Amino acid sequence: MIRKGKIKDFRGCWSSGLATITIEESETGNILHIPCENPSTVRGLAEAYGGITAGRSFDKSNIIDKEIYWAYDELGLIFGGFIPVEEASEEVVEAYQNQVES
C-alpha cells in the first residue's frame, strides 16, 4: 500500500542502527511514529534532501515538512522506503489516488 504524508521528525542513533521517522498522513492528519533502519533511511533522506554534515551527522532540518509517498516494508512492520512527491512517477501518483478513491 502506498501512503502519502509530510515528514515531521526523524530520531535515531547510527551506532544502534535503529531510528524513528515521524510522518503526518495526508488523508487523515494522523501522526505516525514509524520504526526504521537508521543507516538506510538516513542515506535515502540525505540523497533526496541533503543533510549529511561533518562527522557523519545528519541535519534533519532539511527534511521537515517534506511531502513523500512511502510504504511499510514487506512485513508491514517498519518503514520500507519513500519517494519525494515531486519525483514520483505518474504510476505512483495514480496508484496512490486509486487507493484513496477505493
N, C-alpha and C. Protein backbone atom coordinates (compact mmCIF):
# COMPACT_ATOMS: atom_id res chain seq x y z
N MET A 1 0.83 -1.17 0.00
CA MET A 1 0.00 0.00 0.00
C MET A 1 0.89 1.24 0.00
N ILE A 2 0.59 2.17 -0.86
CA ILE A 2 1.32 3.43 -0.95
C ILE A 2 0.62 4.44 -0.05
N ARG A 3 1.40 5.16 0.72
CA ARG A 3 0.87 6.19 1.61
C ARG A 3 1.49 7.53 1.23
N LYS A 4 0.90 8.59 1.73
CA LYS A 4 1.41 9.94 1.44
C LYS A 4 1.38 10.73 2.73
N GLY A 5 2.42 11.53 2.94
CA GLY A 5 2.45 12.34 4.14
C GLY A 5 3.63 13.29 4.16
N LYS A 6 3.70 14.06 5.25
CA LYS A 6 4.80 15.00 5.46
C LYS A 6 5.67 14.50 6.60
N ILE A 7 6.96 14.58 6.38
CA ILE A 7 7.92 14.21 7.41
C ILE A 7 7.89 15.29 8.49
N LYS A 8 7.70 14.87 9.73
CA LYS A 8 7.65 15.81 10.85
C LYS A 8 8.87 15.71 11.76
N ASP A 9 9.51 14.56 11.77
CA ASP A 9 10.68 14.40 12.63
C ASP A 9 11.43 13.13 12.24
N PHE A 10 12.66 13.06 12.67
CA PHE A 10 13.47 11.86 12.50
C PHE A 10 14.41 11.80 13.68
N ARG A 11 14.43 10.66 14.36
CA ARG A 11 15.32 10.48 15.51
C ARG A 11 15.98 9.11 15.41
N GLY A 12 17.27 9.11 15.57
CA GLY A 12 17.97 7.84 15.50
C GLY A 12 19.39 7.95 16.00
N CYS A 13 20.02 6.82 16.09
CA CYS A 13 21.41 6.73 16.53
C CYS A 13 22.12 5.77 15.60
N TRP A 14 23.13 6.25 14.91
CA TRP A 14 23.79 5.40 13.92
C TRP A 14 24.43 4.18 14.57
N SER A 15 24.87 4.30 15.82
CA SER A 15 25.53 3.17 16.46
C SER A 15 24.57 2.03 16.79
N SER A 16 23.29 2.35 16.99
CA SER A 16 22.32 1.28 17.29
C SER A 16 21.71 0.69 16.04
N GLY A 17 21.69 1.49 14.97
CA GLY A 17 21.07 1.05 13.73
C GLY A 17 19.57 1.26 13.70
N LEU A 18 19.00 1.79 14.80
CA LEU A 18 17.56 1.98 14.88
C LEU A 18 17.20 3.46 14.85
N ALA A 19 16.01 3.76 14.33
CA ALA A 19 15.54 5.13 14.27
C ALA A 19 14.02 5.13 14.21
N THR A 20 13.46 6.32 14.31
CA THR A 20 12.02 6.52 14.14
C THR A 20 11.81 7.72 13.24
N ILE A 21 10.98 7.54 12.23
CA ILE A 21 10.59 8.65 11.38
C ILE A 21 9.13 8.98 11.71
N THR A 22 8.86 10.26 11.87
CA THR A 22 7.52 10.70 12.21
C THR A 22 6.90 11.34 10.98
N ILE A 23 5.71 10.85 10.60
CA ILE A 23 5.03 11.30 9.40
C ILE A 23 3.60 11.68 9.73
N GLU A 24 3.17 12.82 9.20
CA GLU A 24 1.78 13.24 9.29
C GLU A 24 1.08 12.77 8.02
N GLU A 25 0.11 11.87 8.16
CA GLU A 25 -0.60 11.34 7.00
C GLU A 25 -1.41 12.43 6.30
N SER A 26 -1.34 12.43 4.98
CA SER A 26 -2.05 13.45 4.19
C SER A 26 -3.56 13.33 4.30
N GLU A 27 -4.06 12.12 4.24
CA GLU A 27 -5.51 11.92 4.21
C GLU A 27 -6.18 12.13 5.56
N THR A 28 -5.54 11.67 6.62
CA THR A 28 -6.17 11.68 7.94
C THR A 28 -5.62 12.72 8.90
N GLY A 29 -4.40 13.18 8.63
CA GLY A 29 -3.74 14.09 9.57
C GLY A 29 -3.15 13.37 10.77
N ASN A 30 -3.28 12.05 10.81
CA ASN A 30 -2.72 11.27 11.92
C ASN A 30 -1.20 11.38 11.91
N ILE A 31 -0.63 11.42 13.10
CA ILE A 31 0.82 11.44 13.26
C ILE A 31 1.27 10.02 13.56
N LEU A 32 2.17 9.49 12.72
CA LEU A 32 2.68 8.14 12.88
C LEU A 32 4.16 8.18 13.25
N HIS A 33 4.55 7.39 14.22
CA HIS A 33 5.95 7.25 14.62
C HIS A 33 6.37 5.85 14.16
N ILE A 34 7.12 5.81 13.06
CA ILE A 34 7.39 4.55 12.38
C ILE A 34 8.84 4.13 12.61
N PRO A 35 9.06 2.93 13.14
CA PRO A 35 10.43 2.45 13.30
C PRO A 35 11.08 2.23 11.93
N CYS A 36 12.38 2.46 11.89
CA CYS A 36 13.10 2.26 10.62
C CYS A 36 14.56 1.92 10.91
N GLU A 37 15.23 1.48 9.87
CA GLU A 37 16.66 1.21 9.95
C GLU A 37 17.39 2.53 9.75
N ASN A 38 18.14 2.94 10.74
CA ASN A 38 18.79 4.24 10.71
C ASN A 38 19.70 4.45 9.49
N PRO A 39 20.67 3.55 9.22
CA PRO A 39 21.61 3.84 8.13
C PRO A 39 20.94 4.00 6.76
N SER A 40 20.08 3.06 6.39
CA SER A 40 19.48 3.14 5.06
C SER A 40 18.49 4.29 4.95
N THR A 41 17.78 4.60 6.02
CA THR A 41 16.84 5.71 5.97
C THR A 41 17.57 7.04 5.88
N VAL A 42 18.62 7.21 6.65
CA VAL A 42 19.42 8.44 6.58
C VAL A 42 20.03 8.60 5.19
N ARG A 43 20.57 7.52 4.63
CA ARG A 43 21.16 7.62 3.28
C ARG A 43 20.11 8.05 2.27
N GLY A 44 18.91 7.47 2.34
CA GLY A 44 17.85 7.84 1.41
C GLY A 44 17.40 9.27 1.58
N LEU A 45 17.21 9.69 2.83
CA LEU A 45 16.80 11.07 3.09
C LEU A 45 17.87 12.06 2.65
N ALA A 46 19.13 11.74 2.92
CA ALA A 46 20.23 12.61 2.53
C ALA A 46 20.38 12.69 1.02
N GLU A 47 20.15 11.57 0.33
CA GLU A 47 20.22 11.59 -1.13
C GLU A 47 19.12 12.47 -1.71
N ALA A 48 17.95 12.43 -1.11
CA ALA A 48 16.82 13.20 -1.61
C ALA A 48 16.89 14.68 -1.22
N TYR A 49 17.36 14.96 0.00
CA TYR A 49 17.26 16.32 0.53
C TYR A 49 18.55 16.91 1.07
N GLY A 50 19.63 16.15 1.05
CA GLY A 50 20.87 16.64 1.65
C GLY A 50 20.81 16.49 3.16
N GLY A 51 21.85 16.97 3.84
CA GLY A 51 21.80 16.98 5.29
C GLY A 51 22.90 16.25 6.01
N ILE A 52 23.79 15.56 5.28
CA ILE A 52 24.92 14.92 5.96
C ILE A 52 25.95 16.01 6.23
N THR A 53 26.35 16.13 7.49
CA THR A 53 27.31 17.16 7.89
C THR A 53 28.63 16.50 8.27
N ALA A 54 29.59 17.32 8.60
CA ALA A 54 30.90 16.81 9.02
C ALA A 54 30.72 15.89 10.21
N GLY A 55 31.50 14.84 10.28
CA GLY A 55 31.43 13.91 11.39
C GLY A 55 30.30 12.92 11.27
N ARG A 56 29.78 12.73 10.07
CA ARG A 56 28.71 11.77 9.78
C ARG A 56 27.42 12.07 10.52
N SER A 57 27.19 13.34 10.83
CA SER A 57 25.93 13.73 11.46
C SER A 57 24.89 14.01 10.38
N PHE A 58 23.63 13.97 10.78
CA PHE A 58 22.53 14.23 9.85
C PHE A 58 21.73 15.42 10.35
N ASP A 59 21.64 16.45 9.51
CA ASP A 59 20.88 17.66 9.84
C ASP A 59 19.45 17.45 9.37
N LYS A 60 18.56 17.16 10.31
CA LYS A 60 17.19 16.83 9.94
C LYS A 60 16.37 18.05 9.53
N SER A 61 16.89 19.26 9.67
CA SER A 61 16.12 20.44 9.27
C SER A 61 15.81 20.43 7.77
N ASN A 62 16.60 19.71 6.99
CA ASN A 62 16.37 19.61 5.54
C ASN A 62 15.16 18.78 5.18
N ILE A 63 14.67 17.95 6.11
CA ILE A 63 13.59 17.02 5.76
C ILE A 63 12.23 17.39 6.34
N ILE A 64 12.22 18.29 7.31
CA ILE A 64 10.97 18.64 8.00
C ILE A 64 9.98 19.25 7.01
N ASP A 65 8.77 18.73 7.02
CA ASP A 65 7.65 19.15 6.18
C ASP A 65 7.81 18.79 4.70
N LYS A 66 8.76 17.92 4.38
CA LYS A 66 8.87 17.42 3.00
C LYS A 66 7.76 16.39 2.79
N GLU A 67 7.08 16.49 1.67
CA GLU A 67 5.99 15.57 1.37
C GLU A 67 6.51 14.39 0.57
N ILE A 68 6.13 13.20 1.01
CA ILE A 68 6.62 11.97 0.39
C ILE A 68 5.49 10.98 0.18
N TYR A 69 5.71 10.09 -0.79
CA TYR A 69 4.95 8.84 -0.88
C TYR A 69 5.83 7.82 -0.18
N TRP A 70 5.23 6.95 0.62
CA TRP A 70 6.03 6.00 1.37
C TRP A 70 5.25 4.70 1.57
N ALA A 71 5.97 3.70 2.04
CA ALA A 71 5.34 2.39 2.30
C ALA A 71 6.06 1.71 3.45
N TYR A 72 5.34 0.80 4.10
CA TYR A 72 5.96 -0.08 5.08
C TYR A 72 6.76 -1.14 4.33
N ASP A 73 7.61 -1.86 5.05
CA ASP A 73 8.36 -2.96 4.46
C ASP A 73 7.41 -4.11 4.11
N GLU A 74 7.97 -5.19 3.59
CA GLU A 74 7.17 -6.33 3.12
C GLU A 74 6.32 -6.96 4.22
N LEU A 75 6.79 -6.89 5.46
CA LEU A 75 6.05 -7.47 6.57
C LEU A 75 5.08 -6.48 7.22
N GLY A 76 5.15 -5.22 6.79
CA GLY A 76 4.26 -4.21 7.35
C GLY A 76 4.65 -3.77 8.75
N LEU A 77 5.94 -3.90 9.07
CA LEU A 77 6.40 -3.60 10.43
C LEU A 77 7.20 -2.32 10.55
N ILE A 78 8.04 -2.05 9.56
CA ILE A 78 8.91 -0.88 9.63
C ILE A 78 8.83 -0.08 8.32
N PHE A 79 9.39 1.11 8.35
CA PHE A 79 9.44 1.99 7.20
C PHE A 79 10.21 1.29 6.08
N GLY A 80 9.57 1.13 4.93
CA GLY A 80 10.18 0.39 3.85
C GLY A 80 10.86 1.23 2.79
N GLY A 81 10.47 2.48 2.66
CA GLY A 81 11.07 3.35 1.67
C GLY A 81 10.13 4.49 1.31
N PHE A 82 10.65 5.41 0.50
CA PHE A 82 9.88 6.60 0.15
C PHE A 82 10.32 7.16 -1.20
N ILE A 83 9.47 8.03 -1.73
CA ILE A 83 9.77 8.81 -2.94
C ILE A 83 9.29 10.23 -2.67
N PRO A 84 10.15 11.23 -2.84
CA PRO A 84 9.66 12.61 -2.71
C PRO A 84 8.50 12.84 -3.68
N VAL A 85 7.47 13.54 -3.25
CA VAL A 85 6.29 13.76 -4.09
C VAL A 85 6.68 14.36 -5.44
N GLU A 86 7.59 15.29 -5.42
CA GLU A 86 7.98 15.95 -6.68
C GLU A 86 8.75 15.04 -7.63
N GLU A 87 9.22 13.90 -7.16
CA GLU A 87 9.95 12.96 -8.01
C GLU A 87 9.14 11.72 -8.37
N ALA A 88 7.93 11.62 -7.86
CA ALA A 88 7.11 10.42 -8.09
C ALA A 88 6.67 10.32 -9.54
N SER A 89 6.70 9.11 -10.05
CA SER A 89 6.24 8.86 -11.42
C SER A 89 4.72 8.95 -11.47
N GLU A 90 4.19 9.06 -12.66
CA GLU A 90 2.74 9.10 -12.85
C GLU A 90 2.11 7.82 -12.32
N GLU A 91 2.80 6.69 -12.45
CA GLU A 91 2.29 5.41 -11.98
C GLU A 91 2.11 5.41 -10.47
N VAL A 92 3.07 5.98 -9.75
CA VAL A 92 2.98 6.03 -8.28
C VAL A 92 1.82 6.93 -7.87
N VAL A 93 1.72 8.10 -8.49
CA VAL A 93 0.64 9.04 -8.17
C VAL A 93 -0.72 8.40 -8.46
N GLU A 94 -0.82 7.76 -9.59
CA GLU A 94 -2.08 7.12 -9.99
C GLU A 94 -2.43 5.97 -9.04
N ALA A 95 -1.45 5.17 -8.67
CA ALA A 95 -1.69 4.05 -7.75
C ALA A 95 -2.17 4.57 -6.39
N TYR A 96 -1.55 5.63 -5.91
CA TYR A 96 -1.96 6.22 -4.64
C TYR A 96 -3.39 6.75 -4.74
N GLN A 97 -3.69 7.50 -5.80
CA GLN A 97 -5.02 8.07 -5.96
C GLN A 97 -6.08 6.99 -6.08
N ASN A 98 -5.78 5.90 -6.76
CA ASN A 98 -6.73 4.79 -6.86
C ASN A 98 -7.01 4.17 -5.50
N GLN A 99 -6.00 4.07 -4.65
CA GLN A 99 -6.19 3.54 -3.30
C GLN A 99 -7.09 4.46 -2.48
N VAL A 100 -6.85 5.76 -2.57
CA VAL A 100 -7.61 6.73 -1.80
C VAL A 100 -9.08 6.72 -2.22
N GLU A 101 -9.32 6.57 -3.51
CA GLU A 101 -10.68 6.59 -4.03
C GLU A 101 -11.45 5.31 -3.74
N SER A 102 -10.74 4.23 -3.45
CA SER A 102 -11.39 2.93 -3.19
C SER A 102 -12.04 2.87 -1.84
